Amino acid sequence: MRDNVPAYGWWSLVIINSAIFIFFTFSFFKPKTKRDWRSFSAFSAFLIALFTEMYGFPLTIYLLSGWLQSHYPNINWFSHDAGHLLEELLGWRTNPHFGPFHILSYIFIGGGFLLIWAGWKVLYEAQSKQALAATGVYSFIRHPQYLGFILVMLGFLLQWPTLLTLAMFPVLVFMYVRLARTEEREALAQFGEDYALYMHEVPGFIPRFGDLFGNFKHGRARQR
């Protein structure tokens, strides 16, 4: 193994990394309602669980250590590099920070934070005017911020999968989908036919391929 020095028990790094990413997310998302705080808190719990295993206590490695050591005996599973399980299990034997899953994780994480930021800008302006948010990134999908949270979590799972975060991920995705449905019912009550038309024209979480490349077939919602 490249790195034979145990890399856990660094609780200061757990605190620092958790605080940085939580604050970074807070500065983009700016929760106001109880629903906002619920989604933000769930995402924060995911980050804390992730960094706890990344730098503090490798629970997943301990629980799987017997199987890992028997199938991959030449790897020091308590080194930091070994925590990048996908690269190690698939035989990536150079620096895992430049591995395919790690690079893909950067794309998901960066794209997710960008969606959260872009969504907040449009939503804040629309709320200040008591108008329907249907421009910018909201012209492609109805729930860009929730999709952003999901992409960030998926990116971290590609980079550093753990049993706890893998268990949390589908629960949090289900929670965000439910929150989105609740918001849609409230928007229908507030905006009526305008929002019903918007729902018909704009997908919830996955943008249409043609829309991404300028082939707009649903222009009425985008003009609001």
Protein backbone atom coordinates (compact mmCIF):
# COMPACT_ATOMS: atom_id res chain seq x y z
CA MET A 1 0.00 0.00 0.00
CA ARG A 2 1.22 3.49 -0.77
CA ASP A 3 0.29 5.01 2.59
CA ASN A 4 0.93 2.80 5.61
CA VAL A 5 0.34 5.45 8.25
CA PRO A 6 -3.04 5.18 10.02
CA ALA A 7 -5.03 8.30 9.19
CA TYR A 8 -7.87 8.33 11.70
CA GLY A 9 -8.54 9.94 15.05
CA TRP A 10 -8.19 13.41 13.50
CA TRP A 11 -11.28 14.85 15.17
CA SER A 12 -10.14 18.40 14.53
CA LEU A 13 -10.37 17.67 10.78
CA VAL A 14 -13.85 16.21 11.31
CA ILE A 15 -14.96 19.46 12.94
CA ILE A 16 -13.19 21.76 10.48
CA ASN A 17 -14.37 19.99 7.32
CA SER A 18 -17.93 19.62 8.62
CA ALA A 19 -18.05 23.29 9.61
CA ILE A 20 -16.63 24.49 6.28
CA PHE A 21 -19.05 22.52 4.11
CA ILE A 22 -22.06 23.22 6.34
CA PHE A 23 -21.30 26.95 6.35
CA PHE A 24 -20.65 26.87 2.59
CA THR A 25 -24.03 25.22 2.03
CA PHE A 26 -25.74 27.62 4.42
CA SER A 27 -24.35 30.62 2.53
CA PHE A 28 -25.87 29.25 -0.70
CA PHE A 29 -29.13 27.79 0.59
CA LYS A 30 -30.01 30.38 3.26
CA PRO A 31 -32.78 28.40 5.02
CA LYS A 32 -35.74 30.43 6.24
CA THR A 33 -38.76 28.19 6.72
CA LYS A 34 -39.07 25.09 8.90
CA ARG A 35 -38.97 23.02 5.72
CA ASP A 36 -35.74 24.70 4.65
CA TRP A 37 -34.15 24.00 8.02
CA ARG A 38 -35.29 20.37 7.89
CA SER A 39 -33.65 19.76 4.52
CA PHE A 40 -30.53 21.68 5.54
CA SER A 41 -30.24 19.77 8.85
CA ALA A 42 -30.58 16.40 7.11
CA PHE A 43 -27.85 17.35 4.65
CA SER A 44 -25.64 18.56 7.52
CA ALA A 45 -26.11 15.22 9.32
CA PHE A 46 -24.96 13.43 6.16
CA LEU A 47 -21.81 15.58 6.02
CA ILE A 48 -20.99 15.00 9.69
CA ALA A 49 -21.42 11.23 9.28
CA LEU A 50 -19.20 11.32 6.20
CA PHE A 51 -16.32 13.30 7.72
CA THR A 52 -16.51 11.31 10.97
CA GLU A 53 -15.62 8.17 9.02
CA MET A 54 -13.22 9.95 6.71
CA TYR A 55 -11.03 11.38 9.48
CA GLY A 56 -12.35 10.24 12.86
CA PHE A 57 -13.40 6.61 13.24
CA PRO A 58 -13.54 4.26 10.18
CA LEU A 59 -16.64 2.31 11.22
CA THR A 60 -17.21 0.87 7.76
CA ILE A 61 -13.62 -0.38 7.51
CA TYR A 62 -13.87 -2.00 10.95
CA LEU A 63 -17.14 -3.74 10.14
CA LEU A 64 -15.86 -4.99 6.78
CA SER A 65 -12.25 -5.55 7.82
CA GLY A 66 -12.49 -9.35 7.87
CA TRP A 67 -13.89 -9.57 4.37
CA LEU A 68 -11.60 -6.86 3.02
CA GLN A 69 -8.45 -8.38 4.46
CA SER A 70 -9.27 -11.86 3.21
CA HIS A 71 -10.02 -10.68 -0.33
CA TYR A 72 -7.42 -7.89 -0.54
CA PRO A 73 -4.59 -8.97 1.80
CA ASN A 74 -1.95 -6.62 0.40
CA ILE A 75 -3.80 -3.41 1.28
CA ASN A 76 -3.49 -1.60 4.59
CA TRP A 77 -7.18 -0.88 5.08
CA PHE A 78 -6.55 1.53 7.94
CA SER A 79 -4.60 3.99 5.82
CA HIS A 80 -6.34 7.06 4.46
CA ASP A 81 -6.03 6.08 0.80
CA ALA A 82 -7.84 2.80 1.43
CA GLY A 83 -10.93 4.72 2.50
CA HIS A 84 -11.52 5.46 -1.17
CA LEU A 85 -13.14 2.05 -1.42
CA LEU A 86 -14.31 2.15 -5.02
CA GLU A 87 -10.84 2.84 -6.40
CA GLU A 88 -9.27 0.21 -4.14
CA LEU A 89 -11.82 -2.51 -4.84
CA LEU A 90 -11.55 -1.98 -8.59
CA GLY A 91 -7.76 -2.06 -8.58
CA TRP A 92 -6.81 1.60 -8.96
CA ARG A 93 -3.29 1.46 -7.56
CA THR A 94 -2.09 5.02 -8.01
CA ASN A 95 -3.18 8.09 -6.03
CA PRO A 96 -6.93 7.62 -5.46
CA HIS A 97 -7.45 11.39 -5.47
CA PHE A 98 -6.88 11.22 -9.22
CA GLY A 99 -8.97 8.10 -9.71
CA PRO A 100 -12.05 8.04 -11.98
CA PHE A 101 -14.59 7.94 -9.15
CA HIS A 102 -12.87 10.76 -7.30
CA ILE A 103 -12.81 12.97 -10.39
CA LEU A 104 -16.47 12.17 -11.10
CA SER A 105 -17.28 13.06 -7.50
CA TYR A 106 -15.81 16.54 -8.01
CA ILE A 107 -18.18 17.06 -10.95
CA PHE A 108 -21.23 16.00 -8.94
CA ILE A 109 -20.24 18.01 -5.85
CA GLY A 110 -19.39 21.15 -7.82
CA GLY A 111 -22.51 20.85 -9.96
CA GLY A 112 -24.67 20.28 -6.91
CA PHE A 113 -23.43 23.37 -5.10
CA LEU A 114 -23.83 25.38 -8.30
CA LEU A 115 -27.47 24.28 -8.56
CA ILE A 116 -28.13 25.21 -4.92
CA TRP A 117 -26.64 28.66 -5.47
CA ALA A 118 -28.35 29.29 -8.81
CA GLY A 119 -31.68 28.11 -7.45
CA TRP A 120 -31.48 30.33 -4.39
CA LYS A 121 -30.81 33.45 -6.50
CA VAL A 122 -33.93 32.91 -8.62
CA LEU A 123 -36.09 31.83 -5.69
CA TYR A 124 -35.08 34.80 -3.52
CA GLU A 125 -35.94 37.28 -6.26
CA ALA A 126 -39.27 35.58 -6.98
CA GLN A 127 -40.25 35.43 -3.30
CA SER A 128 -39.43 39.11 -2.83
CA LYS A 129 -41.95 39.89 -5.61
CA GLN A 130 -44.48 37.23 -4.52
CA ALA A 131 -44.03 35.73 -7.99
CA LEU A 132 -43.59 32.24 -9.37
CA ALA A 133 -39.94 31.15 -9.68
CA ALA A 134 -39.78 29.95 -13.27
CA THR A 135 -36.71 31.61 -14.76
CA GLY A 136 -33.00 30.73 -14.80
CA VAL A 137 -32.35 27.23 -13.56
CA TYR A 138 -36.04 26.95 -12.63
CA SER A 139 -36.85 27.03 -16.33
CA PHE A 140 -35.17 23.62 -16.68
CA ILE A 141 -36.27 21.85 -13.48
CA ARG A 142 -38.76 22.67 -10.75
CA HIS A 143 -36.57 21.65 -7.79
CA PRO A 144 -32.96 22.61 -8.53
CA GLN A 145 -31.91 23.04 -4.90
CA TYR A 146 -33.13 19.60 -3.82
CA LEU A 147 -31.43 18.09 -6.86
CA GLY A 148 -28.29 19.98 -5.83
CA PHE A 149 -28.33 18.36 -2.39
CA ILE A 150 -28.77 14.93 -3.98
CA LEU A 151 -25.87 15.48 -6.41
CA VAL A 152 -23.54 16.63 -3.63
CA MET A 153 -24.36 13.56 -1.52
CA LEU A 154 -23.92 11.27 -4.53
CA GLY A 155 -20.56 12.89 -5.24
CA PHE A 156 -19.36 12.26 -1.69
CA LEU A 157 -20.55 8.65 -1.90
CA LEU A 158 -18.45 8.14 -5.02
CA GLN A 159 -15.48 9.65 -3.24
CA TRP A 160 -15.81 8.02 0.18
CA PRO A 161 -18.63 5.45 0.51
CA THR A 162 -19.57 4.32 4.01
CA LEU A 163 -22.28 2.02 5.31
CA LEU A 164 -23.94 4.84 7.25
CA THR A 165 -24.02 7.36 4.41
CA LEU A 166 -25.15 4.67 1.96
CA ALA A 167 -28.05 3.94 4.32
CA MET A 168 -28.82 7.65 4.76
CA PHE A 169 -28.75 8.48 1.05
CA PRO A 170 -32.03 6.84 -0.09
CA VAL A 171 -33.78 8.10 3.04
CA LEU A 172 -32.69 11.67 2.33
CA VAL A 173 -33.61 11.40 -1.35
CA PHE A 174 -37.08 10.20 -0.33
CA MET A 175 -37.33 13.10 2.12
CA TYR A 176 -36.38 15.67 -0.53
CA VAL A 177 -38.90 14.23 -2.99
CA ARG A 178 -41.63 14.43 -0.35
CA LEU A 179 -40.66 18.01 0.49
CA ALA A 180 -40.81 18.86 -3.21
CA ARG A 181 -44.31 17.39 -3.49
CA THR A 182 -45.44 19.37 -0.45
CA GLU A 183 -44.08 22.58 -1.96
CA GLU A 184 -45.88 21.84 -5.22
CA ARG A 185 -49.22 21.49 -3.45
CA GLU A 186 -48.64 24.81 -1.71
CA ALA A 187 -47.60 26.48 -4.98
CA LEU A 188 -50.72 25.17 -6.70
CA ALA A 189 -52.83 26.66 -3.92
CA GLN A 190 -51.00 30.00 -4.25
CA PHE A 191 -50.53 30.34 -8.02
CA GLY A 192 -53.27 28.08 -9.33
CA GLU A 193 -53.33 27.58 -13.10
CA ASP A 194 -49.98 29.31 -13.59
CA TYR A 195 -48.20 26.71 -11.51
CA ALA A 196 -50.21 23.86 -13.05
CA LEU A 197 -48.98 25.02 -16.47
CA TYR A 198 -45.44 25.34 -15.12
CA MET A 199 -45.59 21.76 -13.78
CA HIS A 200 -46.79 20.55 -17.17
CA GLU A 201 -44.00 22.30 -19.05
CA VAL A 202 -41.00 21.88 -16.72
CA PRO A 203 -39.73 18.53 -15.29
CA GLY A 204 -39.34 18.08 -11.56
CA PHE A 205 -35.76 16.84 -11.15
CA ILE A 206 -34.35 15.67 -14.49
CA PRO A 207 -34.14 18.29 -17.27
CA ARG A 208 -35.11 17.42 -20.81
CA PHE A 209 -32.11 16.85 -23.03
CA GLY A 210 -33.36 19.23 -25.71
CA ASP A 211 -33.91 22.03 -23.19
CA LEU A 212 -30.27 21.88 -22.08
CA PHE A 213 -29.14 22.60 -25.63
CA GLY A 214 -31.59 25.37 -26.40
CA ASN A 215 -34.37 23.36 -28.03
CA PHE A 216 -37.09 25.00 -25.94
CA LYS A 217 -40.49 23.46 -26.56
CA HIS A 218 -42.06 24.80 -23.39
CA GLY A 219 -41.54 28.53 -23.65
CA ARG A 220 -44.59 29.89 -21.81
CA ALA A 221 -43.26 29.04 -18.34
CA ARG A 222 -39.88 30.49 -19.20
CA GLN A 223 -41.39 33.83 -20.08
CA ARG A 224 -42.94 34.41 -16.65
